Amino acid sequence: MEAAAAGCDMFEEIVMAEERFHGEGYQEGYADGSHVGVVEGRRYGSLLGAKIGSEIGFYLGFALTWQCLFQKCTDEKNNKKIRALDYLIRMIQKFPYEDPTYDKLQEDLEKIRGKFKQRHTAF
């Protein structure tokens, strides 16, 4: 009788091994996938952040250069352009570079892009 019970336990262990290995494999795969996902997400975030920073830097360089060029001319038409450039510069300076959780990051970036396009076509 004991031999039959031992044989049954051994059979049950064999049957349950597949389920146990499946569970262990899932846990290992989930842990590895989570780690790879964090690394990939960090890399993508750094790349996208650098891209946005480069774009904002370009807009600021554009605005500051034109602002310097218009400082020499003092007629009313250029004063209006200088005020518009000042507004663009203030928008860029208020942009939250160090806060990726800022709710309106994309919205503010689109506003800056729009102002840049307006100024770019006006000059």
PDB file of N, CA and C in Angstrom:
ATOM      1  N   MET A   1       0.810  -1.180   0.000  1.00  0.00           N
ATOM      2  CA  MET A   1       0.000   0.000   0.000  1.00  0.00           C
ATOM      3  C   MET A   1       0.863   1.257   0.000  1.00  0.00           C
ATOM      4  N   GLU A   2       1.919   1.183   0.813  1.00  0.00           N
ATOM      5  CA  GLU A   2       2.820   2.336   0.858  1.00  0.00           C
ATOM      6  C   GLU A   2       3.512   2.537  -0.479  1.00  0.00           C
ATOM      7  N   ALA A   3       3.823   1.461  -1.154  1.00  0.00           N
ATOM      8  CA  ALA A   3       4.465   1.549  -2.447  1.00  0.00           C
ATOM      9  C   ALA A   3       3.531   2.224  -3.449  1.00  0.00           C
ATOM     10  N   ALA A   4       2.248   1.949  -3.362  1.00  0.00           N
ATOM     11  CA  ALA A   4       1.269   2.557  -4.265  1.00  0.00           C
ATOM     12  C   ALA A   4       1.144   4.050  -3.966  1.00  0.00           C
ATOM     13  N   ALA A   5       1.174   4.413  -2.677  1.00  0.00           N
ATOM     14  CA  ALA A   5       1.074   5.823  -2.291  1.00  0.00           C
ATOM     15  C   ALA A   5       2.321   6.569  -2.722  1.00  0.00           C
ATOM     16  N   ALA A   6       3.479   5.950  -2.586  1.00  0.00           N
ATOM     17  CA  ALA A   6       4.738   6.581  -3.007  1.00  0.00           C
ATOM     18  C   ALA A   6       4.743   6.742  -4.517  1.00  0.00           C
ATOM     19  N   GLY A   7       4.244   5.756  -5.246  1.00  0.00           N
ATOM     20  CA  GLY A   7       4.171   5.839  -6.694  1.00  0.00           C
ATOM     21  C   GLY A   7       3.207   6.934  -7.141  1.00  0.00           C
ATOM     22  N   CYS A   8       2.122   7.091  -6.406  1.00  0.00           N
ATOM     23  CA  CYS A   8       1.138   8.119  -6.720  1.00  0.00           C
ATOM     24  C   CYS A   8       1.724   9.508  -6.479  1.00  0.00           C
ATOM     25  N   ASP A   9       2.465   9.659  -5.355  1.00  0.00           N
ATOM     26  CA  ASP A   9       3.108  10.941  -5.058  1.00  0.00           C
ATOM     27  C   ASP A   9       4.143  11.288  -6.118  1.00  0.00           C
ATOM     28  N   MET A  10       4.881  10.286  -6.529  1.00  0.00           N
ATOM     29  CA  MET A  10       5.906  10.506  -7.551  1.00  0.00           C
ATOM     30  C   MET A  10       5.253  10.904  -8.872  1.00  0.00           C
ATOM     31  N   PHE A  11       4.148  10.244  -9.202  1.00  0.00           N
ATOM     32  CA  PHE A  11       3.412  10.576 -10.423  1.00  0.00           C
ATOM     33  C   PHE A  11       2.865  12.003 -10.345  1.00  0.00           C
ATOM     34  N   GLU A  12       2.353  12.364  -9.158  1.00  0.00           N
ATOM     35  CA  GLU A  12       1.812  13.710  -8.967  1.00  0.00           C
ATOM     36  C   GLU A  12       2.922  14.756  -9.104  1.00  0.00           C
ATOM     37  N   GLU A  13       4.091  14.463  -8.599  1.00  0.00           N
ATOM     38  CA  GLU A  13       5.229  15.388  -8.724  1.00  0.00           C
ATOM     39  C   GLU A  13       5.596  15.604 -10.192  1.00  0.00           C
ATOM     40  N   ILE A  14       5.558  14.548 -10.967  1.00  0.00           N
ATOM     41  CA  ILE A  14       5.877  14.651 -12.387  1.00  0.00           C
ATOM     42  C   ILE A  14       4.823  15.490 -13.098  1.00  0.00           C
ATOM     43  N   VAL A  15       3.559  15.261 -12.803  1.00  0.00           N
ATOM     44  CA  VAL A  15       2.478  16.006 -13.432  1.00  0.00           C
ATOM     45  C   VAL A  15       2.545  17.478 -13.021  1.00  0.00           C
ATOM     46  N   MET A  16       2.811  17.743 -11.767  1.00  0.00           N
ATOM     47  CA  MET A  16       2.841  19.109 -11.261  1.00  0.00           C
ATOM     48  C   MET A  16       4.137  19.841 -11.640  1.00  0.00           C
ATOM     49  N   ALA A  17       5.162  19.122 -12.074  1.00  0.00           N
ATOM     50  CA  ALA A  17       6.432  19.754 -12.443  1.00  0.00           C
ATOM     51  C   ALA A  17       6.230  20.730 -13.596  1.00  0.00           C
ATOM     52  N   GLU A  18       5.414  20.348 -14.556  1.00  0.00           N
ATOM     53  CA  GLU A  18       5.168  21.245 -15.691  1.00  0.00           C
ATOM     54  C   GLU A  18       4.553  22.557 -15.217  1.00  0.00           C
ATOM     55  N   GLU A  19       3.577  22.449 -14.334  1.00  0.00           N
ATOM     56  CA  GLU A  19       2.934  23.665 -13.817  1.00  0.00           C
ATOM     57  C   GLU A  19       3.920  24.496 -12.986  1.00  0.00           C
ATOM     58  N   ARG A  20       4.722  23.832 -12.175  1.00  0.00           N
ATOM     59  CA  ARG A  20       5.708  24.523 -11.350  1.00  0.00           C
ATOM     60  C   ARG A  20       6.743  25.218 -12.240  1.00  0.00           C
ATOM     61  N   PHE A  21       7.262  24.523 -13.241  1.00  0.00           N
ATOM     62  CA  PHE A  21       8.258  25.113 -14.143  1.00  0.00           C
ATOM     63  C   PHE A  21       7.658  26.268 -14.944  1.00  0.00           C
ATOM     64  N   HIS A  22       6.419  26.125 -15.326  1.00  0.00           N
ATOM     65  CA  HIS A  22       5.741  27.201 -16.046  1.00  0.00           C
ATOM     66  C   HIS A  22       5.660  28.451 -15.170  1.00  0.00           C
ATOM     67  N   GLY A  23       5.274  28.278 -13.916  1.00  0.00           N
ATOM     68  CA  GLY A  23       5.183  29.406 -12.986  1.00  0.00           C
ATOM     69  C   GLY A  23       6.536  30.051 -12.734  1.00  0.00           C
ATOM     70  N   GLU A  24       7.560  29.218 -12.531  1.00  0.00           N
ATOM     71  CA  GLU A  24       8.906  29.757 -12.297  1.00  0.00           C
ATOM     72  C   GLU A  24       9.421  30.493 -13.531  1.00  0.00           C
ATOM     73  N   GLY A  25       9.193  29.917 -14.702  1.00  0.00           N
ATOM     74  CA  GLY A  25       9.622  30.558 -15.951  1.00  0.00           C
ATOM     75  C   GLY A  25       8.919  31.889 -16.166  1.00  0.00           C
ATOM     76  N   TYR A  26       7.642  31.925 -15.825  1.00  0.00           N
ATOM     77  CA  TYR A  26       6.892  33.173 -15.961  1.00  0.00           C
ATOM     78  C   TYR A  26       7.480  34.239 -15.039  1.00  0.00           C
ATOM     79  N   GLN A  27       7.747  33.879 -13.806  1.00  0.00           N
ATOM     80  CA  GLN A  27       8.295  34.844 -12.840  1.00  0.00           C
ATOM     81  C   GLN A  27       9.664  35.359 -13.285  1.00  0.00           C
ATOM     82  N   GLU A  28      10.525  34.468 -13.752  1.00  0.00           N
ATOM     83  CA  GLU A  28      11.847  34.882 -14.233  1.00  0.00           C
ATOM     84  C   GLU A  28      11.721  35.787 -15.461  1.00  0.00           C
ATOM     85  N   GLY A  29      10.848  35.407 -16.388  1.00  0.00           N
ATOM     86  CA  GLY A  29      10.644  36.216 -17.594  1.00  0.00           C
ATOM     87  C   GLY A  29      10.066  37.580 -17.266  1.00  0.00           C
ATOM     88  N   TYR A  30       9.152  37.624 -16.327  1.00  0.00           N
ATOM     89  CA  TYR A  30       8.551  38.899 -15.920  1.00  0.00           C
ATOM     90  C   TYR A  30       9.604  39.807 -15.291  1.00  0.00           C
ATOM     91  N   ALA A  31      10.439  39.259 -14.424  1.00  0.00           N
ATOM     92  CA  ALA A  31      11.494  40.053 -13.776  1.00  0.00           C
ATOM     93  C   ALA A  31      12.489  40.570 -14.808  1.00  0.00           C
ATOM     94  N   ASP A  32      12.915  39.703 -15.725  1.00  0.00           N
ATOM     95  CA  ASP A  32      13.854  40.133 -16.764  1.00  0.00           C
ATOM     96  C   ASP A  32      13.231  41.181 -17.674  1.00  0.00           C
ATOM     97  N   GLY A  33      11.986  40.978 -18.060  1.00  0.00           N
ATOM     98  CA  GLY A  33      11.298  41.936 -18.923  1.00  0.00           C
ATOM     99  C   GLY A  33      11.113  43.283 -18.248  1.00  0.00           C
ATOM    100  N   SER A  34      10.820  43.267 -16.959  1.00  0.00           N
ATOM    101  CA  SER A  34      10.674  44.532 -16.221  1.00  0.00           C
ATOM    102  C   SER A  34      11.985  45.293 -16.200  1.00  0.00           C
ATOM    103  N   HIS A  35      13.061  44.600 -15.962  1.00  0.00           N
ATOM    104  CA  HIS A  35      14.380  45.245 -15.918  1.00  0.00           C
ATOM    105  C   HIS A  35      14.740  45.830 -17.290  1.00  0.00           C
ATOM    106  N   VAL A  36      14.554  45.045 -18.325  1.00  0.00           N
ATOM    107  CA  VAL A  36      14.864  45.521 -19.682  1.00  0.00           C
ATOM    108  C   VAL A  36      13.959  46.701 -20.043  1.00  0.00           C
ATOM    109  N   GLY A  37      12.705  46.661 -19.635  1.00  0.00           N
ATOM    110  CA  GLY A  37      11.781  47.748 -19.912  1.00  0.00           C
ATOM    111  C   GLY A  37      12.199  49.050 -19.251  1.00  0.00           C
ATOM    112  N   VAL A  38      12.681  48.964 -18.021  1.00  0.00           N
ATOM    113  CA  VAL A  38      13.146  50.163 -17.318  1.00  0.00           C
ATOM    114  C   VAL A  38      14.376  50.739 -18.016  1.00  0.00           C
ATOM    115  N   VAL A  39      15.304  49.884 -18.380  1.00  0.00           N
ATOM    116  CA  VAL A  39      16.526  50.343 -19.060  1.00  0.00           C
ATOM    117  C   VAL A  39      16.173  50.979 -20.403  1.00  0.00           C
ATOM    118  N   GLU A  40      15.319  50.328 -21.170  1.00  0.00           N
ATOM    119  CA  GLU A  40      14.929  50.852 -22.475  1.00  0.00           C
ATOM    120  C   GLU A  40      14.150  52.164 -22.333  1.00  0.00           C
ATOM    121  N   GLY A  41      13.271  52.234 -21.347  1.00  0.00           N
ATOM    122  CA  GLY A  41      12.507  53.453 -21.099  1.00  0.00           C
ATOM    123  C   GLY A  41      13.403  54.615 -20.710  1.00  0.00           C
ATOM    124  N   ARG A  42      14.394  54.357 -19.888  1.00  0.00           N
ATOM    125  CA  ARG A  42      15.333  55.404 -19.487  1.00  0.00           C
ATOM    126  C   ARG A  42      16.133  55.907 -20.690  1.00  0.00           C
ATOM    127  N   ARG A  43      16.562  54.980 -21.513  1.00  0.00           N
ATOM    128  CA  ARG A  43      17.334  55.357 -22.703  1.00  0.00           C
ATOM    129  C   ARG A  43      16.479  56.185 -23.670  1.00  0.00           C
ATOM    130  N   TYR A  44      15.249  55.760 -23.885  1.00  0.00           N
ATOM    131  CA  TYR A  44      14.346  56.487 -24.782  1.00  0.00           C
ATOM    132  C   TYR A  44      14.022  57.863 -24.219  1.00  0.00           C
ATOM    133  N   GLY A  45      13.780  57.938 -22.917  1.00  0.00           N
ATOM    134  CA  GLY A  45      13.497  59.218 -22.280  1.00  0.00           C
ATOM    135  C   GLY A  45      14.664  60.182 -22.384  1.00  0.00           C
ATOM    136  N   SER A  46      15.870  59.681 -22.212  1.00  0.00           N
ATOM    137  CA  SER A  46      17.062  60.531 -22.345  1.00  0.00           C
ATOM    138  C   SER A  46      17.205  61.043 -23.771  1.00  0.00           C
ATOM    139  N   LEU A  47      16.977  60.174 -24.724  1.00  0.00           N
ATOM    140  CA  LEU A  47      17.076  60.560 -26.128  1.00  0.00           C
ATOM    141  C   LEU A  47      16.033  61.618 -26.480  1.00  0.00           C
ATOM    142  N   LEU A  48      14.808  61.398 -26.065  1.00  0.00           N
ATOM    143  CA  LEU A  48      13.738  62.349 -26.363  1.00  0.00           C
ATOM    144  C   LEU A  48      13.963  63.673 -25.631  1.00  0.00           C
ATOM    145  N   GLY A  49      14.432  63.606 -24.388  1.00  0.00           N
ATOM    146  CA  GLY A  49      14.730  64.821 -23.635  1.00  0.00           C
ATOM    147  C   GLY A  49      15.825  65.639 -24.293  1.00  0.00           C
ATOM    148  N   ALA A  50      16.857  64.965 -24.782  1.00  0.00           N
ATOM    149  CA  ALA A  50      17.945  65.669 -25.473  1.00  0.00           C
ATOM    150  C   ALA A  50      17.443  66.314 -26.761  1.00  0.00           C
ATOM    151  N   LYS A  51      16.560  65.621 -27.444  1.00  0.00           N
ATOM    152  CA  LYS A  51      15.991  66.155 -28.684  1.00  0.00           C
ATOM    153  C   LYS A  51      15.180  67.420 -28.414  1.00  0.00           C
ATOM    154  N   ILE A  52      14.348  67.383 -27.384  1.00  0.00           N
ATOM    155  CA  ILE A  52      13.540  68.553 -27.021  1.00  0.00           C
ATOM    156  C   ILE A  52      14.438  69.692 -26.555  1.00  0.00           C
ATOM    157  N   GLY A  53      15.448  69.376 -25.757  1.00  0.00           N
ATOM    158  CA  GLY A  53      16.385  70.398 -25.295  1.00  0.00           C
ATOM    159  C   GLY A  53      17.119  71.063 -26.441  1.00  0.00           C
ATOM    160  N   SER A  54      17.507  70.279 -27.423  1.00  0.00           N
ATOM    161  CA  SER A  54      18.182  70.825 -28.593  1.00  0.00           C
ATOM    162  C   SER A  54      17.249  71.743 -29.384  1.00  0.00           C
ATOM    163  N   GLU A  55      16.008  71.330 -29.520  1.00  0.00           N
ATOM    164  CA  GLU A  55      15.026  72.140 -30.245  1.00  0.00           C
ATOM    165  C   GLU A  55      14.777  73.469 -29.522  1.00  0.00           C
ATOM    166  N   ILE A  56      14.583  73.415 -28.218  1.00  0.00           N
ATOM    167  CA  ILE A  56      14.348  74.632 -27.440  1.00  0.00           C
ATOM    168  C   ILE A  56      15.574  75.539 -27.487  1.00  0.00           C
ATOM    169  N   GLY A  57      16.763  74.950 -27.420  1.00  0.00           N
ATOM    170  CA  GLY A  57      17.996  75.734 -27.524  1.00  0.00           C
ATOM    171  C   GLY A  57      18.113  76.439 -28.868  1.00  0.00           C
ATOM    172  N   PHE A  58      17.710  75.772 -29.925  1.00  0.00           N
ATOM    173  CA  PHE A  58      17.722  76.379 -31.250  1.00  0.00           C
ATOM    174  C   PHE A  58      16.793  77.594 -31.294  1.00  0.00           C
ATOM    175  N   TYR A  59      15.577  77.423 -30.735  1.00  0.00           N
ATOM    176  CA  TYR A  59      14.619  78.533 -30.726  1.00  0.00           C
ATOM    177  C   TYR A  59      15.153  79.721 -29.922  1.00  0.00           C
ATOM    178  N   LEU A  60      15.786  79.427 -28.788  1.00  0.00           N
ATOM    179  CA  LEU A  60      16.332  80.500 -27.960  1.00  0.00           C
ATOM    180  C   LEU A  60      17.472  81.210 -28.687  1.00  0.00           C
ATOM    181  N   GLY A  61      18.333  80.460 -29.347  1.00  0.00           N
ATOM    182  CA  GLY A  61      19.416  81.068 -30.126  1.00  0.00           C
ATOM    183  C   GLY A  61      18.890  81.949 -31.239  1.00  0.00           C
ATOM    184  N   PHE A  62      17.869  81.486 -31.917  1.00  0.00           N
ATOM    185  CA  PHE A  62      17.224  82.271 -32.972  1.00  0.00           C
ATOM    186  C   PHE A  62      16.697  83.586 -32.410  1.00  0.00           C
ATOM    187  N   ALA A  63      15.956  83.502 -31.312  1.00  0.00           N
ATOM    188  CA  ALA A  63      15.328  84.689 -30.729  1.00  0.00           C
ATOM    189  C   ALA A  63      16.375  85.681 -30.218  1.00  0.00           C
ATOM    190  N   LEU A  64      17.391  85.185 -29.552  1.00  0.00           N
ATOM    191  CA  LEU A  64      18.427  86.085 -29.019  1.00  0.00           C
ATOM    192  C   LEU A  64      19.227  86.756 -30.136  1.00  0.00           C
ATOM    193  N   THR A  65      19.511  86.014 -31.193  1.00  0.00           N
ATOM    194  CA  THR A  65      20.250  86.584 -32.321  1.00  0.00           C
ATOM    195  C   THR A  65      19.454  87.706 -32.974  1.00  0.00           C
ATOM    196  N   TRP A  66      18.183  87.455 -33.268  1.00  0.00           N
ATOM    197  CA  TRP A  66      17.359  88.489 -33.892  1.00  0.00           C
ATOM    198  C   TRP A  66      17.122  89.666 -32.945  1.00  0.00           C
ATOM    199  N   GLN A  67      17.018  89.382 -31.677  1.00  0.00           N
ATOM    200  CA  GLN A  67      16.850  90.456 -30.701  1.00  0.00           C
ATOM    201  C   GLN A  67      18.063  91.386 -30.721  1.00  0.00           C
ATOM    202  N   CYS A  68      19.256  90.823 -30.778  1.00  0.00           N
ATOM    203  CA  CYS A  68      20.478  91.637 -30.855  1.00  0.00           C
ATOM    204  C   CYS A  68      20.531  92.446 -32.150  1.00  0.00           C
ATOM    205  N   LEU A  69      20.111  91.844 -33.247  1.00  0.00           N
ATOM    206  CA  LEU A  69      20.128  92.547 -34.524  1.00  0.00           C
ATOM    207  C   LEU A  69      19.125  93.702 -34.544  1.00  0.00           C
ATOM    208  N   PHE A  70      17.974  93.510 -33.919  1.00  0.00           N
ATOM    209  CA  PHE A  70      16.958  94.560 -33.916  1.00  0.00           C
ATOM    210  C   PHE A  70      17.230  95.662 -32.895  1.00  0.00           C
ATOM    211  N   GLN A  71      18.122  95.435 -31.953  1.00  0.00           N
ATOM    212  CA  GLN A  71      18.429  96.457 -30.951  1.00  0.00           C
ATOM    213  C   GLN A  71      19.038  97.702 -31.596  1.00  0.00           C
ATOM    214  N   LYS A  72      19.698  97.513 -32.710  1.00  0.00           N
ATOM    215  CA  LYS A  72      20.353  98.642 -33.396  1.00  0.00           C
ATOM    216  C   LYS A  72      19.349  99.535 -34.106  1.00  0.00           C
ATOM    217  N   CYS A  73      18.200  98.987 -34.488  1.00  0.00           N
ATOM    218  CA  CYS A  73      17.166  99.757 -35.188  1.00  0.00           C
ATOM    219  C   CYS A  73      16.061 100.081 -34.187  1.00  0.00           C
ATOM    220  N   THR A  74      15.638 101.344 -34.161  1.00  0.00           N
ATOM    221  CA  THR A  74      14.670 101.747 -33.132  1.00  0.00           C
ATOM    222  C   THR A  74      13.337 102.234 -33.705  1.00  0.00           C
ATOM    223  N   ASP A  75      13.010 101.903 -34.926  1.00  0.00           N
ATOM    224  CA  ASP A  75      11.720 102.341 -35.452  1.00  0.00           C
ATOM    225  C   ASP A  75      10.587 101.471 -34.873  1.00  0.00           C
ATOM    226  N   GLU A  76       9.351 101.888 -35.059  1.00  0.00           N
ATOM    227  CA  GLU A  76       8.196 101.227 -34.449  1.00  0.00           C
ATOM    228  C   GLU A  76       8.017  99.792 -34.942  1.00  0.00           C
ATOM    229  N   LYS A  77       8.287  99.562 -36.212  1.00  0.00           N
ATOM    230  CA  LYS A  77       8.138  98.221 -36.775  1.00  0.00           C
ATOM    231  C   LYS A  77       9.081  97.243 -36.067  1.00  0.00           C
ATOM    232  N   ASN A  78      10.311  97.653 -35.841  1.00  0.00           N
ATOM    233  CA  ASN A  78      11.274  96.785 -35.167  1.00  0.00           C
ATOM    234  C   ASN A  78      10.961  96.650 -33.675  1.00  0.00           C
ATOM    235  N   ASN A  79      10.395  97.691 -33.066  1.00  0.00           N
ATOM    236  CA  ASN A  79      10.015  97.587 -31.658  1.00  0.00           C
ATOM    237  C   ASN A  79       8.953  96.504 -31.458  1.00  0.00           C
ATOM    238  N   LYS A  80       8.044  96.400 -32.407  1.00  0.00           N
ATOM    239  CA  LYS A  80       7.017  95.363 -32.336  1.00  0.00           C
ATOM    240  C   LYS A  80       7.665  93.970 -32.445  1.00  0.00           C
ATOM    241  N   LYS A  81       8.622  93.843 -33.342  1.00  0.00           N
ATOM    242  CA  LYS A  81       9.323  92.558 -33.488  1.00  0.00           C
ATOM    243  C   LYS A  81      10.125  92.226 -32.243  1.00  0.00           C
ATOM    244  N   ILE A  82      10.729  93.251 -31.642  1.00  0.00           N
ATOM    245  CA  ILE A  82      11.513  93.021 -30.418  1.00  0.00           C
ATOM    246  C   ILE A  82      10.590  92.543 -29.294  1.00  0.00           C
ATOM    247  N   ARG A  83       9.413  93.146 -29.168  1.00  0.00           N
ATOM    248  CA  ARG A  83       8.457  92.719 -28.131  1.00  0.00           C
ATOM    249  C   ARG A  83       8.022  91.267 -28.367  1.00  0.00           C
ATOM    250  N   ALA A  84       7.802  90.912 -29.616  1.00  0.00           N
ATOM    251  CA  ALA A  84       7.414  89.535 -29.936  1.00  0.00           C
ATOM    252  C   ALA A  84       8.549  88.568 -29.596  1.00  0.00           C
ATOM    253  N   LEU A  85       9.768  88.970 -29.901  1.00  0.00           N
ATOM    254  CA  LEU A  85      10.920  88.124 -29.561  1.00  0.00           C
ATOM    255  C   LEU A  85      11.093  88.012 -28.049  1.00  0.00           C
ATOM    256  N   ASP A  86      10.861  89.108 -27.335  1.00  0.00           N
ATOM    257  CA  ASP A  86      10.935  89.074 -25.873  1.00  0.00           C
ATOM    258  C   ASP A  86       9.919  88.081 -25.302  1.00  0.00           C
ATOM    259  N   TYR A  87       8.738  88.074 -25.885  1.00  0.00           N
ATOM    260  CA  TYR A  87       7.701  87.145 -25.439  1.00  0.00           C
ATOM    261  C   TYR A  87       8.134  85.694 -25.675  1.00  0.00           C
ATOM    262  N   LEU A  88       8.700  85.429 -26.850  1.00  0.00           N
ATOM    263  CA  LEU A  88       9.191  84.086 -27.158  1.00  0.00           C
ATOM    264  C   LEU A  88      10.300  83.693 -26.183  1.00  0.00           C
ATOM    265  N   ILE A  89      11.201  84.605 -25.897  1.00  0.00           N
ATOM    266  CA  ILE A  89      12.295  84.314 -24.960  1.00  0.00           C
ATOM    267  C   ILE A  89      11.745  84.018 -23.563  1.00  0.00           C
ATOM    268  N   ARG A  90      10.763  84.786 -23.120  1.00  0.00           N
ATOM    269  CA  ARG A  90      10.164  84.527 -21.805  1.00  0.00           C
ATOM    270  C   ARG A  90       9.484  83.162 -21.766  1.00  0.00           C
ATOM    271  N   MET A  91       8.814  82.803 -22.844  1.00  0.00           N
ATOM    272  CA  MET A  91       8.170  81.477 -22.905  1.00  0.00           C
ATOM    273  C   MET A  91       9.215  80.373 -22.779  1.00  0.00           C
ATOM    274  N   ILE A  92      10.320  80.541 -23.477  1.00  0.00           N
ATOM    275  CA  ILE A  92      11.381  79.534 -23.439  1.00  0.00           C
ATOM    276  C   ILE A  92      12.007  79.469 -22.047  1.00  0.00           C
ATOM    277  N   GLN A  93      12.218  80.615 -21.433  1.00  0.00           N
ATOM    278  CA  GLN A  93      12.831  80.632 -20.107  1.00  0.00           C
ATOM    279  C   GLN A  93      11.918  80.040 -19.044  1.00  0.00           C
ATOM    280  N   LYS A  94      10.611  80.106 -19.239  1.00  0.00           N
ATOM    281  CA  LYS A  94       9.660  79.526 -18.286  1.00  0.00           C
ATOM    282  C   LYS A  94       9.456  78.027 -18.520  1.00  0.00           C
ATOM    283  N   PHE A  95       9.964  77.508 -19.620  1.00  0.00           N
ATOM    284  CA  PHE A  95       9.760  76.100 -19.955  1.00  0.00           C
ATOM    285  C   PHE A  95      10.403  75.221 -18.878  1.00  0.00           C
ATOM    286  N   PRO A  96       9.676  74.220 -18.373  1.00  0.00           N
ATOM    287  CA  PRO A  96      10.185  73.381 -17.274  1.00  0.00           C
ATOM    288  C   PRO A  96      11.149  72.297 -17.760  1.00  0.00           C
ATOM    289  N   TYR A  97      12.407  72.651 -17.913  1.00  0.00           N
ATOM    290  CA  TYR A  97      13.415  71.705 -18.412  1.00  0.00           C
ATOM    291  C   TYR A  97      13.607  70.503 -17.488  1.00  0.00           C
ATOM    292  N   GLU A  98      13.545  70.718 -16.201  1.00  0.00           N
ATOM    293  CA  GLU A  98      13.927  69.681 -15.243  1.00  0.00           C
ATOM    294  C   GLU A  98      12.751  68.943 -14.627  1.00  0.00           C
ATOM    295  N   ASP A  99      11.545  69.166 -15.131  1.00  0.00           N
ATOM    296  CA  ASP A  99      10.370  68.506 -14.571  1.00  0.00           C
ATOM    297  C   ASP A  99       9.637  67.713 -15.649  1.00  0.00           C
ATOM    298  N   PRO A 100      10.007  66.446 -15.844  1.00  0.00           N
ATOM    299  CA  PRO A 100       9.354  65.647 -16.885  1.00  0.00           C
ATOM    300  C   PRO A 100       7.921  65.273 -16.538  1.00  0.00           C
ATOM    301  N   THR A 101       7.496  65.494 -15.303  1.00  0.00           N
ATOM    302  CA  THR A 101       6.133  65.165 -14.907  1.00  0.00           C
ATOM    303  C   THR A 101       5.189  66.349 -15.062  1.00  0.00           C
ATOM    304  N   TYR A 102       5.693  67.463 -15.589  1.00  0.00           N
ATOM    305  CA  TYR A 102       4.876  68.660 -15.784  1.00  0.00           C
ATOM    306  C   TYR A 102       3.705  68.333 -16.710  1.00  0.00           C
ATOM    307  N   ASP A 103       2.484  68.646 -16.258  1.00  0.00           N
ATOM    308  CA  ASP A 103       1.265  68.263 -16.979  1.00  0.00           C
ATOM    309  C   ASP A 103       1.176  68.849 -18.378  1.00  0.00           C
ATOM    310  N   LYS A 104       1.597  70.085 -18.538  1.00  0.00           N
ATOM    311  CA  LYS A 104       1.405  70.793 -19.807  1.00  0.00           C
ATOM    312  C   LYS A 104       2.687  70.897 -20.619  1.00  0.00           C
ATOM    313  N   LEU A 105       3.573  69.939 -20.464  1.00  0.00           N
ATOM    314  CA  LEU A 105       4.855  69.964 -21.165  1.00  0.00           C
ATOM    315  C   LEU A 105       4.656  70.016 -22.677  1.00  0.00           C
ATOM    316  N   GLN A 106       3.867  69.114 -23.208  1.00  0.00           N
ATOM    317  CA  GLN A 106       3.635  69.078 -24.654  1.00  0.00           C
ATOM    318  C   GLN A 106       2.873  70.314 -25.123  1.00  0.00           C
ATOM    319  N   GLU A 107       1.928  70.755 -24.326  1.00  0.00           N
ATOM    320  CA  GLU A 107       1.138  71.935 -24.685  1.00  0.00           C
ATOM    321  C   GLU A 107       2.035  73.176 -24.759  1.00  0.00           C
ATOM    322  N   ASP A 108       2.890  73.360 -23.765  1.00  0.00           N
ATOM    323  CA  ASP A 108       3.808  74.506 -23.766  1.00  0.00           C
ATOM    324  C   ASP A 108       4.818  74.413 -24.912  1.00  0.00           C
ATOM    325  N   LEU A 109       5.274  73.208 -25.195  1.00  0.00           N
ATOM    326  CA  LEU A 109       6.206  73.015 -26.302  1.00  0.00           C
ATOM    327  C   LEU A 109       5.537  73.386 -27.627  1.00  0.00           C
ATOM    328  N   GLU A 110       4.287  73.010 -27.796  1.00  0.00           N
ATOM    329  CA  GLU A 110       3.555  73.372 -29.023  1.00  0.00           C
ATOM    330  C   GLU A 110       3.368  74.885 -29.132  1.00  0.00           C
ATOM    331  N   LYS A 111       3.128  75.561 -28.012  1.00  0.00           N
ATOM    332  CA  LYS A 111       2.996  77.019 -28.032  1.00  0.00           C
ATOM    333  C   LYS A 111       4.311  77.669 -28.457  1.00  0.00           C
ATOM    334  N   ILE A 112       5.408  77.168 -27.933  1.00  0.00           N
ATOM    335  CA  ILE A 112       6.723  77.710 -28.304  1.00  0.00           C
ATOM    336  C   ILE A 112       6.983  77.477 -29.783  1.00  0.00           C
ATOM    337  N   ARG A 113       6.669  76.292 -30.251  1.00  0.00           N
ATOM    338  CA  ARG A 113       6.844  75.996 -31.681  1.00  0.00           C
ATOM    339  C   ARG A 113       6.002  76.949 -32.534  1.00  0.00           C
ATOM    340  N   GLY A 114       4.772  77.180 -32.113  1.00  0.00           N
ATOM    341  CA  GLY A 114       3.897  78.082 -32.858  1.00  0.00           C
ATOM    342  C   GLY A 114       4.433  79.508 -32.891  1.00  0.00           C
ATOM    343  N   LYS A 115       4.896  80.001 -31.748  1.00  0.00           N
ATOM    344  CA  LYS A 115       5.471  81.352 -31.697  1.00  0.00           C
ATOM    345  C   LYS A 115       6.720  81.445 -32.562  1.00  0.00           C
ATOM    346  N   PHE A 116       7.541  80.393 -32.520  1.00  0.00           N
ATOM    347  CA  PHE A 116       8.741  80.392 -33.351  1.00  0.00           C
ATOM    348  C   PHE A 116       8.364  80.461 -34.829  1.00  0.00           C
ATOM    349  N   LYS A 117       7.391  79.675 -35.232  1.00  0.00           N
ATOM    350  CA  LYS A 117       6.966  79.695 -36.640  1.00  0.00           C
ATOM    351  C   LYS A 117       6.443  81.074 -37.046  1.00  0.00           C
ATOM    352  N   GLN A 118       5.696  81.713 -36.138  1.00  0.00           N
ATOM    353  CA  GLN A 118       5.208  83.058 -36.415  1.00  0.00           C
ATOM    354  C   GLN A 118       6.376  84.023 -36.612  1.00  0.00           C
ATOM    355  N   ARG A 119       7.327  83.964 -35.712  1.00  0.00           N
ATOM    356  CA  ARG A 119       8.479  84.884 -35.789  1.00  0.00           C
ATOM    357  C   ARG A 119       9.345  84.546 -36.999  1.00  0.00           C
ATOM    358  N   HIS A 120       9.512  83.279 -37.262  1.00  0.00           N
ATOM    359  CA  HIS A 120      10.362  82.849 -38.371  1.00  0.00           C
ATOM    360  C   HIS A 120       9.805  83.356 -39.703  1.00  0.00           C
ATOM    361  N   THR A 121       8.507  83.256 -39.879  1.00  0.00           N
ATOM    362  CA  THR A 121       7.920  83.702 -41.150  1.00  0.00           C
ATOM    363  C   THR A 121       7.861  85.225 -41.210  1.00  0.00           C
ATOM    364  N   ALA A 122       7.828  85.913 -40.069  1.00  0.00           N
ATOM    365  CA  ALA A 122       7.764  87.370 -40.074  1.00  0.00           C
ATOM    366  C   ALA A 122       9.104  87.997 -40.461  1.00  0.00           C
ATOM    367  N   PHE A 123      10.190  87.298 -40.264  1.00  0.00           N
ATOM    368  CA  PHE A 123      11.509  87.858 -40.560  1.00  0.00           C
ATOM    369  C   PHE A 123      11.902  87.419 -41.932  1.00  0.00           C
TER     370      PHE A 123
END
